[in-house]
Amino acid sequence: MSTSNIFLPASLGAFAGILLGTIAGIDIVSTLILAAACAVLGVAVGSNFEDENPTLEDYEN
């Protein structure tokens, strides 16, 4: 997974973590920790999804 492909799942994961933390009513430090964990999870899921779906570049190489 290239660096440019990491930004979207990481930012969406962080946004989801902040949203969940806000809805749950937890303090800001725990919300930021949750956002970081969700960002890492988003990148991990995104990279696994990319590995399962070959692109045209994969067939050319």
PDB file of N, CA and C in Angstrom:
ATOM      1  N   MET A   1       0.846  -1.167   0.000  1.00  0.00           N
ATOM      2  CA  MET A   1       0.000   0.000   0.000  1.00  0.00           C
ATOM      3  C   MET A   1       0.893   1.232   0.000  1.00  0.00           C
ATOM      4  N   SER A   2       0.737   2.075  -0.993  1.00  0.00           N
ATOM      5  CA  SER A   2       1.591   3.255  -1.089  1.00  0.00           C
ATOM      6  C   SER A   2       1.144   4.331  -0.099  1.00  0.00           C
ATOM      7  N   THR A   3       1.995   5.306   0.077  1.00  0.00           N
ATOM      8  CA  THR A   3       1.722   6.367   1.046  1.00  0.00           C
ATOM      9  C   THR A   3       0.464   7.143   0.691  1.00  0.00           C
ATOM     10  N   SER A   4       0.224   7.380  -0.592  1.00  0.00           N
ATOM     11  CA  SER A   4      -0.961   8.143  -0.986  1.00  0.00           C
ATOM     12  C   SER A   4      -2.246   7.363  -0.726  1.00  0.00           C
ATOM     13  N   ASN A   5      -2.163   6.042  -0.703  1.00  0.00           N
ATOM     14  CA  ASN A   5      -3.348   5.226  -0.450  1.00  0.00           C
ATOM     15  C   ASN A   5      -3.620   5.026   1.032  1.00  0.00           C
ATOM     16  N   ILE A   6      -2.721   5.466   1.891  1.00  0.00           N
ATOM     17  CA  ILE A   6      -2.895   5.300   3.334  1.00  0.00           C
ATOM     18  C   ILE A   6      -3.714   6.449   3.918  1.00  0.00           C
ATOM     19  N   PHE A   7      -3.658   7.619   3.302  1.00  0.00           N
ATOM     20  CA  PHE A   7      -4.275   8.810   3.891  1.00  0.00           C
ATOM     21  C   PHE A   7      -5.786   8.678   4.058  1.00  0.00           C
ATOM     22  N   LEU A   8      -6.494   8.200   3.044  1.00  0.00           N
ATOM     23  CA  LEU A   8      -7.955   8.131   3.120  1.00  0.00           C
ATOM     24  C   LEU A   8      -8.445   7.174   4.202  1.00  0.00           C
ATOM     25  N   PRO A   9      -7.988   5.911   4.241  1.00  0.00           N
ATOM     26  CA  PRO A   9      -8.482   5.048   5.326  1.00  0.00           C
ATOM     27  C   PRO A   9      -8.059   5.512   6.712  1.00  0.00           C
ATOM     28  N   ALA A  10      -6.882   6.122   6.821  1.00  0.00           N
ATOM     29  CA  ALA A  10      -6.443   6.619   8.130  1.00  0.00           C
ATOM     30  C   ALA A  10      -7.301   7.791   8.583  1.00  0.00           C
ATOM     31  N   SER A  11      -7.595   8.706   7.678  1.00  0.00           N
ATOM     32  CA  SER A  11      -8.408   9.863   8.068  1.00  0.00           C
ATOM     33  C   SER A  11      -9.845   9.461   8.354  1.00  0.00           C
ATOM     34  N   LEU A  12     -10.387   8.527   7.573  1.00  0.00           N
ATOM     35  CA  LEU A  12     -11.746   8.051   7.852  1.00  0.00           C
ATOM     36  C   LEU A  12     -11.805   7.292   9.173  1.00  0.00           C
ATOM     37  N   GLY A  13     -10.787   6.505   9.452  1.00  0.00           N
ATOM     38  CA  GLY A  13     -10.736   5.790  10.723  1.00  0.00           C
ATOM     39  C   GLY A  13     -10.618   6.731  11.902  1.00  0.00           C
ATOM     40  N   ALA A  14      -9.790   7.760  11.764  1.00  0.00           N
ATOM     41  CA  ALA A  14      -9.648   8.739  12.843  1.00  0.00           C
ATOM     42  C   ALA A  14     -10.948   9.501  13.060  1.00  0.00           C
ATOM     43  N   PHE A  15     -11.609   9.862  11.974  1.00  0.00           N
ATOM     44  CA  PHE A  15     -12.900  10.547  12.097  1.00  0.00           C
ATOM     45  C   PHE A  15     -13.924   9.655  12.787  1.00  0.00           C
ATOM     46  N   ALA A  16     -13.952   8.377  12.426  1.00  0.00           N
ATOM     47  CA  ALA A  16     -14.878   7.443  13.074  1.00  0.00           C
ATOM     48  C   ALA A  16     -14.565   7.308  14.560  1.00  0.00           C
ATOM     49  N   GLY A  17     -13.289   7.265  14.910  1.00  0.00           N
ATOM     50  CA  GLY A  17     -12.903   7.172  16.314  1.00  0.00           C
ATOM     51  C   GLY A  17     -13.315   8.396  17.112  1.00  0.00           C
ATOM     52  N   ILE A  18     -13.130   9.570  16.519  1.00  0.00           N
ATOM     53  CA  ILE A  18     -13.546  10.804  17.198  1.00  0.00           C
ATOM     54  C   ILE A  18     -15.061  10.841  17.343  1.00  0.00           C
ATOM     55  N   LEU A  19     -15.769  10.430  16.300  1.00  0.00           N
ATOM     56  CA  LEU A  19     -17.231  10.404  16.356  1.00  0.00           C
ATOM     57  C   LEU A  19     -17.727   9.437  17.422  1.00  0.00           C
ATOM     58  N   LEU A  20     -17.142   8.239  17.466  1.00  0.00           N
ATOM     59  CA  LEU A  20     -17.543   7.267  18.485  1.00  0.00           C
ATOM     60  C   LEU A  20     -17.219   7.760  19.890  1.00  0.00           C
ATOM     61  N   GLY A  21     -16.059   8.370  20.057  1.00  0.00           N
ATOM     62  CA  GLY A  21     -15.688   8.904  21.361  1.00  0.00           C
ATOM     63  C   GLY A  21     -16.603  10.021  21.814  1.00  0.00           C
ATOM     64  N   THR A  22     -17.021  10.853  20.874  1.00  0.00           N
ATOM     65  CA  THR A  22     -17.934  11.947  21.207  1.00  0.00           C
ATOM     66  C   THR A  22     -19.308  11.417  21.587  1.00  0.00           C
ATOM     67  N   ILE A  23     -19.796  10.446  20.824  1.00  0.00           N
ATOM     68  CA  ILE A  23     -21.108   9.862  21.117  1.00  0.00           C
ATOM     69  C   ILE A  23     -21.085   9.148  22.464  1.00  0.00           C
ATOM     70  N   ALA A  24     -19.988   8.449  22.747  1.00  0.00           N
ATOM     71  CA  ALA A  24     -19.891   7.704  24.008  1.00  0.00           C
ATOM     72  C   ALA A  24     -19.687   8.630  25.205  1.00  0.00           C
ATOM     73  N   GLY A  25     -19.263   9.860  24.971  1.00  0.00           N
ATOM     74  CA  GLY A  25     -19.090  10.819  26.048  1.00  0.00           C
ATOM     75  C   GLY A  25     -17.841  10.602  26.874  1.00  0.00           C
ATOM     76  N   ILE A  26     -16.787  10.050  26.259  1.00  0.00           N
ATOM     77  CA  ILE A  26     -15.542   9.832  26.999  1.00  0.00           C
ATOM     78  C   ILE A  26     -14.658  11.071  26.899  1.00  0.00           C
ATOM     79  N   ASP A  27     -13.651  11.152  27.749  1.00  0.00           N
ATOM     80  CA  ASP A  27     -12.793  12.339  27.783  1.00  0.00           C
ATOM     81  C   ASP A  27     -11.926  12.441  26.529  1.00  0.00           C
ATOM     82  N   ILE A  28     -11.284  13.584  26.342  1.00  0.00           N
ATOM     83  CA  ILE A  28     -10.565  13.882  25.105  1.00  0.00           C
ATOM     84  C   ILE A  28      -9.359  12.972  24.897  1.00  0.00           C
ATOM     85  N   VAL A  29      -8.653  12.615  25.958  1.00  0.00           N
ATOM     86  CA  VAL A  29      -7.473  11.752  25.807  1.00  0.00           C
ATOM     87  C   VAL A  29      -7.894  10.372  25.317  1.00  0.00           C
ATOM     88  N   SER A  30      -8.929   9.822  25.914  1.00  0.00           N
ATOM     89  CA  SER A  30      -9.421   8.515  25.478  1.00  0.00           C
ATOM     90  C   SER A  30      -9.986   8.584  24.065  1.00  0.00           C
ATOM     91  N   THR A  31     -10.601   9.697  23.719  1.00  0.00           N
ATOM     92  CA  THR A  31     -11.121   9.875  22.363  1.00  0.00           C
ATOM     93  C   THR A  31      -9.986   9.883  21.347  1.00  0.00           C
ATOM     94  N   LEU A  32      -8.885  10.560  21.668  1.00  0.00           N
ATOM     95  CA  LEU A  32      -7.742  10.591  20.751  1.00  0.00           C
ATOM     96  C   LEU A  32      -7.086   9.220  20.622  1.00  0.00           C
ATOM     97  N   ILE A  33      -7.022   8.480  21.718  1.00  0.00           N
ATOM     98  CA  ILE A  33      -6.484   7.115  21.660  1.00  0.00           C
ATOM     99  C   ILE A  33      -7.383   6.239  20.798  1.00  0.00           C
ATOM    100  N   LEU A  34      -8.699   6.375  20.969  1.00  0.00           N
ATOM    101  CA  LEU A  34      -9.649   5.625  20.147  1.00  0.00           C
ATOM    102  C   LEU A  34      -9.524   6.012  18.677  1.00  0.00           C
ATOM    103  N   ALA A  35      -9.334   7.300  18.400  1.00  0.00           N
ATOM    104  CA  ALA A  35      -9.166   7.758  17.020  1.00  0.00           C
ATOM    105  C   ALA A  35      -7.903   7.168  16.395  1.00  0.00           C
ATOM    106  N   ALA A  36      -6.814   7.119  17.156  1.00  0.00           N
ATOM    107  CA  ALA A  36      -5.571   6.532  16.639  1.00  0.00           C
ATOM    108  C   ALA A  36      -5.742   5.042  16.370  1.00  0.00           C
ATOM    109  N   ALA A  37      -6.418   4.347  17.270  1.00  0.00           N
ATOM    110  CA  ALA A  37      -6.649   2.912  17.075  1.00  0.00           C
ATOM    111  C   ALA A  37      -7.524   2.668  15.851  1.00  0.00           C
ATOM    112  N   CYS A  38      -8.543   3.484  15.668  1.00  0.00           N
ATOM    113  CA  CYS A  38      -9.411   3.335  14.498  1.00  0.00           C
ATOM    114  C   CYS A  38      -8.672   3.672  13.206  1.00  0.00           C
ATOM    115  N   ALA A  39      -7.752   4.626  13.261  1.00  0.00           N
ATOM    116  CA  ALA A  39      -6.961   4.963  12.078  1.00  0.00           C
ATOM    117  C   ALA A  39      -6.069   3.796  11.680  1.00  0.00           C
ATOM    118  N   VAL A  40      -5.428   3.170  12.656  1.00  0.00           N
ATOM    119  CA  VAL A  40      -4.586   1.999  12.373  1.00  0.00           C
ATOM    120  C   VAL A  40      -5.437   0.862  11.831  1.00  0.00           C
ATOM    121  N   LEU A  41      -6.598   0.658  12.419  1.00  0.00           N
ATOM    122  CA  LEU A  41      -7.503  -0.390  11.944  1.00  0.00           C
ATOM    123  C   LEU A  41      -7.973  -0.100  10.520  1.00  0.00           C
ATOM    124  N   GLY A  42      -8.261   1.166  10.235  1.00  0.00           N
ATOM    125  CA  GLY A  42      -8.674   1.535   8.882  1.00  0.00           C
ATOM    126  C   GLY A  42      -7.603   1.264   7.849  1.00  0.00           C
ATOM    127  N   VAL A  43      -6.359   1.553   8.178  1.00  0.00           N
ATOM    128  CA  VAL A  43      -5.250   1.278   7.256  1.00  0.00           C
ATOM    129  C   VAL A  43      -5.064  -0.224   7.086  1.00  0.00           C
ATOM    130  N   ALA A  44      -5.188  -0.983   8.176  1.00  0.00           N
ATOM    131  CA  ALA A  44      -5.025  -2.439   8.098  1.00  0.00           C
ATOM    132  C   ALA A  44      -6.110  -3.060   7.235  1.00  0.00           C
ATOM    133  N   VAL A  45      -7.340  -2.636   7.419  1.00  0.00           N
ATOM    134  CA  VAL A  45      -8.440  -3.170   6.615  1.00  0.00           C
ATOM    135  C   VAL A  45      -8.279  -2.743   5.165  1.00  0.00           C
ATOM    136  N   GLY A  46      -7.876  -1.501   4.942  1.00  0.00           N
ATOM    137  CA  GLY A  46      -7.670  -1.021   3.580  1.00  0.00           C
ATOM    138  C   GLY A  46      -6.568  -1.766   2.859  1.00  0.00           C
ATOM    139  N   SER A  47      -5.488  -2.094   3.549  1.00  0.00           N
ATOM    140  CA  SER A  47      -4.392  -2.812   2.902  1.00  0.00           C
ATOM    141  C   SER A  47      -4.783  -4.256   2.617  1.00  0.00           C
ATOM    142  N   ASN A  48      -5.555  -4.875   3.500  1.00  0.00           N
ATOM    143  CA  ASN A  48      -6.024  -6.238   3.238  1.00  0.00           C
ATOM    144  C   ASN A  48      -6.983  -6.260   2.066  1.00  0.00           C
ATOM    145  N   PHE A  49      -7.834  -5.257   1.977  1.00  0.00           N
ATOM    146  CA  PHE A  49      -8.782  -5.186   0.871  1.00  0.00           C
ATOM    147  C   PHE A  49      -8.055  -4.998  -0.449  1.00  0.00           C
ATOM    148  N   GLU A  50      -7.001  -4.180  -0.436  1.00  0.00           N
ATOM    149  CA  GLU A  50      -6.235  -3.943  -1.650  1.00  0.00           C
ATOM    150  C   GLU A  50      -5.503  -5.207  -2.087  1.00  0.00           C
ATOM    151  N   ASP A  51      -5.012  -5.996  -1.147  1.00  0.00           N
ATOM    152  CA  ASP A  51      -4.294  -7.215  -1.489  1.00  0.00           C
ATOM    153  C   ASP A  51      -5.205  -8.253  -2.132  1.00  0.00           C
ATOM    154  N   GLU A  52      -6.487  -8.257  -1.764  1.00  0.00           N
ATOM    155  CA  GLU A  52      -7.412  -9.251  -2.295  1.00  0.00           C
ATOM    156  C   GLU A  52      -7.918  -8.897  -3.682  1.00  0.00           C
ATOM    157  N   ASN A  53      -7.815  -7.643  -4.071  1.00  0.00           N
ATOM    158  CA  ASN A  53      -8.342  -7.192  -5.350  1.00  0.00           C
ATOM    159  C   ASN A  53      -7.200  -6.728  -6.243  1.00  0.00           C
ATOM    160  N   PRO A  54      -6.723  -7.597  -7.128  1.00  0.00           N
ATOM    161  CA  PRO A  54      -5.602  -7.215  -7.989  1.00  0.00           C
ATOM    162  C   PRO A  54      -6.005  -6.113  -8.971  1.00  0.00           C
ATOM    163  N   THR A  55      -5.066  -5.251  -9.267  1.00  0.00           N
ATOM    164  CA  THR A  55      -5.299  -4.170 -10.218  1.00  0.00           C
ATOM    165  C   THR A  55      -4.629  -4.518 -11.540  1.00  0.00           C
ATOM    166  N   LEU A  56      -4.806  -3.660 -12.507  1.00  0.00           N
ATOM    167  CA  LEU A  56      -4.182  -3.862 -13.809  1.00  0.00           C
ATOM    168  C   LEU A  56      -2.664  -3.880 -13.684  1.00  0.00           C
ATOM    169  N   GLU A  57      -2.117  -3.072 -12.757  1.00  0.00           N
ATOM    170  CA  GLU A  57      -0.671  -3.051 -12.546  1.00  0.00           C
ATOM    171  C   GLU A  57      -0.168  -4.415 -12.074  1.00  0.00           C
ATOM    172  N   ASP A  58      -0.973  -5.123 -11.270  1.00  0.00           N
ATOM    173  CA  ASP A  58      -0.565  -6.445 -10.798  1.00  0.00           C
ATOM    174  C   ASP A  58      -0.467  -7.434 -11.952  1.00  0.00           C
ATOM    175  N   TYR A  59      -1.368  -7.324 -12.905  1.00  0.00           N
ATOM    176  CA  TYR A  59      -1.340  -8.238 -14.046  1.00  0.00           C
ATOM    177  C   TYR A  59      -0.212  -7.908 -15.013  1.00  0.00           C
ATOM    178  N   GLU A  60       0.162  -6.637 -15.097  1.00  0.00           N
ATOM    179  CA  GLU A  60       1.228  -6.240 -16.013  1.00  0.00           C
ATOM    180  C   GLU A  60       2.596  -6.673 -15.517  1.00  0.00           C
ATOM    181  N   ASN A  61       2.762  -6.794 -14.213  1.00  0.00           N
ATOM    182  CA  ASN A  61       4.085  -7.136 -13.663  1.00  0.00           C
ATOM    183  C   ASN A  61       4.301  -8.609 -13.594  1.00  0.00           C
TER     184      ASN A  61
END
